[in-house]
Amino acid sequence: MLSNPADRQKLLDAIKEMSNSMTRVDAEKDFQKEAIDKVNDELGLEKKHVRKLASIYHKQNFSTVQQEQEELQELYELITTKASAA
């Protein structure tokens, strides 16, 4: 396994950088939760809707989400209509 001290140091350095990155991610997740809580408290919007809106805005995929929702709605109506007619 890693017998070369330089290789061990490279691995340790990479692990430290990854840990630092994970710390930053955790902090950002805390911020996002606080922002969602604030909007929920101040505007009364459901947290799941705020989270979904932020995700759509970030990914800029509103039309894709809309299309998927329409397909899901059509499929749901198809299976529930057939189930109730049978």
C-alpha atoms as a PDB file:
ATOM      1  CA  MET A   1       0.000   0.000   0.000  1.00  0.00           C
ATOM      2  CA  LEU A   2       1.245   3.588   0.138  1.00  0.00           C
ATOM      3  CA  SER A   3       4.867   3.007   1.087  1.00  0.00           C
ATOM      4  CA  ASN A   4       6.083   6.276  -0.414  1.00  0.00           C
ATOM      5  CA  PRO A   5       5.863   9.134   2.137  1.00  0.00           C
ATOM      6  CA  ALA A   6       5.139  11.614  -0.672  1.00  0.00           C
ATOM      7  CA  ASP A   7       2.140   9.555  -1.811  1.00  0.00           C
ATOM      8  CA  ARG A   8       0.840   9.333   1.754  1.00  0.00           C
ATOM      9  CA  GLN A   9       1.133  13.111   2.050  1.00  0.00           C
ATOM     10  CA  LYS A  10      -0.715  13.607  -1.253  1.00  0.00           C
ATOM     11  CA  LEU A  11      -3.534  11.429   0.029  1.00  0.00           C
ATOM     12  CA  LEU A  12      -3.654  13.223   3.384  1.00  0.00           C
ATOM     13  CA  ASP A  13      -3.695  16.615   1.627  1.00  0.00           C
ATOM     14  CA  ALA A  14      -6.549  15.496  -0.619  1.00  0.00           C
ATOM     15  CA  ILE A  15      -8.511  14.168   2.377  1.00  0.00           C
ATOM     16  CA  LYS A  16      -8.015  17.455   4.230  1.00  0.00           C
ATOM     17  CA  GLU A  17      -9.223  19.458   1.217  1.00  0.00           C
ATOM     18  CA  MET A  18     -12.251  17.196   0.865  1.00  0.00           C
ATOM     19  CA  SER A  19     -13.024  17.644   4.547  1.00  0.00           C
ATOM     20  CA  ASN A  20     -12.780  21.423   4.146  1.00  0.00           C
ATOM     21  CA  SER A  21     -15.140  21.218   1.190  1.00  0.00           C
ATOM     22  CA  MET A  22     -17.607  19.137   3.214  1.00  0.00           C
ATOM     23  CA  THR A  23     -17.504  21.765   5.964  1.00  0.00           C
ATOM     24  CA  ARG A  24     -18.396  24.465   3.435  1.00  0.00           C
ATOM     25  CA  VAL A  25     -21.227  22.321   2.047  1.00  0.00           C
ATOM     26  CA  ASP A  26     -22.613  21.800   5.557  1.00  0.00           C
ATOM     27  CA  ALA A  27     -22.542  25.549   6.164  1.00  0.00           C
ATOM     28  CA  GLU A  28     -24.360  26.230   2.893  1.00  0.00           C
ATOM     29  CA  LYS A  29     -26.999  23.630   3.751  1.00  0.00           C
ATOM     30  CA  ASP A  30     -27.516  25.341   7.110  1.00  0.00           C
ATOM     31  CA  PHE A  31     -27.921  28.677   5.316  1.00  0.00           C
ATOM     32  CA  GLN A  32     -30.451  27.199   2.878  1.00  0.00           C
ATOM     33  CA  LYS A  33     -32.475  25.722   5.742  1.00  0.00           C
ATOM     34  CA  GLU A  34     -32.473  29.071   7.548  1.00  0.00           C
ATOM     35  CA  ALA A  35     -33.560  30.896   4.369  1.00  0.00           C
ATOM     36  CA  ILE A  36     -36.388  28.414   3.813  1.00  0.00           C
ATOM     37  CA  ASP A  37     -37.499  28.740   7.444  1.00  0.00           C
ATOM     38  CA  LYS A  38     -37.476  32.542   7.163  1.00  0.00           C
ATOM     39  CA  VAL A  39     -39.622  32.549   4.015  1.00  0.00           C
ATOM     40  CA  ASN A  40     -41.988  30.071   5.644  1.00  0.00           C
ATOM     41  CA  ASP A  41     -42.282  32.201   8.785  1.00  0.00           C
ATOM     42  CA  GLU A  42     -42.582  35.561   7.045  1.00  0.00           C
ATOM     43  CA  LEU A  43     -44.648  34.637   3.978  1.00  0.00           C
ATOM     44  CA  GLY A  44     -46.403  31.463   5.067  1.00  0.00           C
ATOM     45  CA  LEU A  45     -45.263  29.480   2.043  1.00  0.00           C
ATOM     46  CA  GLU A  46     -44.780  25.759   2.470  1.00  0.00           C
ATOM     47  CA  LYS A  47     -41.137  24.813   2.875  1.00  0.00           C
ATOM     48  CA  LYS A  48     -41.351  22.143   0.173  1.00  0.00           C
ATOM     49  CA  HIS A  49     -42.556  24.765  -2.310  1.00  0.00           C
ATOM     50  CA  VAL A  50     -39.793  27.210  -1.432  1.00  0.00           C
ATOM     51  CA  ARG A  51     -37.206  24.432  -1.756  1.00  0.00           C
ATOM     52  CA  LYS A  52     -38.647  23.316  -5.121  1.00  0.00           C
ATOM     53  CA  LEU A  53     -38.809  26.879  -6.465  1.00  0.00           C
ATOM     54  CA  ALA A  54     -35.195  27.501  -5.479  1.00  0.00           C
ATOM     55  CA  SER A  55     -34.133  24.269  -7.155  1.00  0.00           C
ATOM     56  CA  ILE A  56     -35.977  25.103 -10.372  1.00  0.00           C
ATOM     57  CA  TYR A  57     -34.549  28.613 -10.360  1.00  0.00           C
ATOM     58  CA  HIS A  58     -31.016  27.332  -9.761  1.00  0.00           C
ATOM     59  CA  LYS A  59     -31.200  24.672 -12.475  1.00  0.00           C
ATOM     60  CA  GLN A  60     -33.187  26.929 -14.837  1.00  0.00           C
ATOM     61  CA  ASN A  61     -35.346  23.938 -15.795  1.00  0.00           C
ATOM     62  CA  PHE A  62     -38.881  25.221 -15.370  1.00  0.00           C
ATOM     63  CA  SER A  63     -40.058  23.954 -18.757  1.00  0.00           C
ATOM     64  CA  THR A  64     -38.649  20.486 -18.063  1.00  0.00           C
ATOM     65  CA  VAL A  65     -40.319  20.333 -14.645  1.00  0.00           C
ATOM     66  CA  GLN A  66     -43.573  21.555 -16.169  1.00  0.00           C
ATOM     67  CA  GLN A  67     -43.441  18.909 -18.901  1.00  0.00           C
ATOM     68  CA  GLU A  68     -42.692  16.143 -16.390  1.00  0.00           C
ATOM     69  CA  GLN A  69     -45.591  17.295 -14.229  1.00  0.00           C
ATOM     70  CA  GLU A  70     -47.961  17.223 -17.200  1.00  0.00           C
ATOM     71  CA  GLU A  71     -46.797  13.717 -18.125  1.00  0.00           C
ATOM     72  CA  LEU A  72     -47.255  12.559 -14.551  1.00  0.00           C
ATOM     73  CA  GLN A  73     -50.728  14.083 -14.422  1.00  0.00           C
ATOM     74  CA  GLU A  74     -51.743  12.377 -17.671  1.00  0.00           C
ATOM     75  CA  LEU A  75     -50.423   9.033 -16.472  1.00  0.00           C
ATOM     76  CA  TYR A  76     -52.167   9.362 -13.119  1.00  0.00           C
ATOM     77  CA  GLU A  77     -55.463  10.221 -14.767  1.00  0.00           C
ATOM     78  CA  LEU A  78     -55.035   7.315 -17.174  1.00  0.00           C
ATOM     79  CA  ILE A  79     -54.471   4.727 -14.473  1.00  0.00           C
ATOM     80  CA  THR A  80     -57.089   6.042 -12.056  1.00  0.00           C
ATOM     81  CA  THR A  81     -59.733   6.333 -14.779  1.00  0.00           C
ATOM     82  CA  LYS A  82     -59.124   2.756 -15.940  1.00  0.00           C
ATOM     83  CA  ALA A  83     -59.063   1.487 -12.362  1.00  0.00           C
ATOM     84  CA  SER A  84     -62.387   3.076 -11.510  1.00  0.00           C
ATOM     85  CA  ALA A  85     -63.999   1.957 -14.792  1.00  0.00           C
ATOM     86  CA  ALA A  86     -62.947  -1.679 -14.339  1.00  0.00           C
END
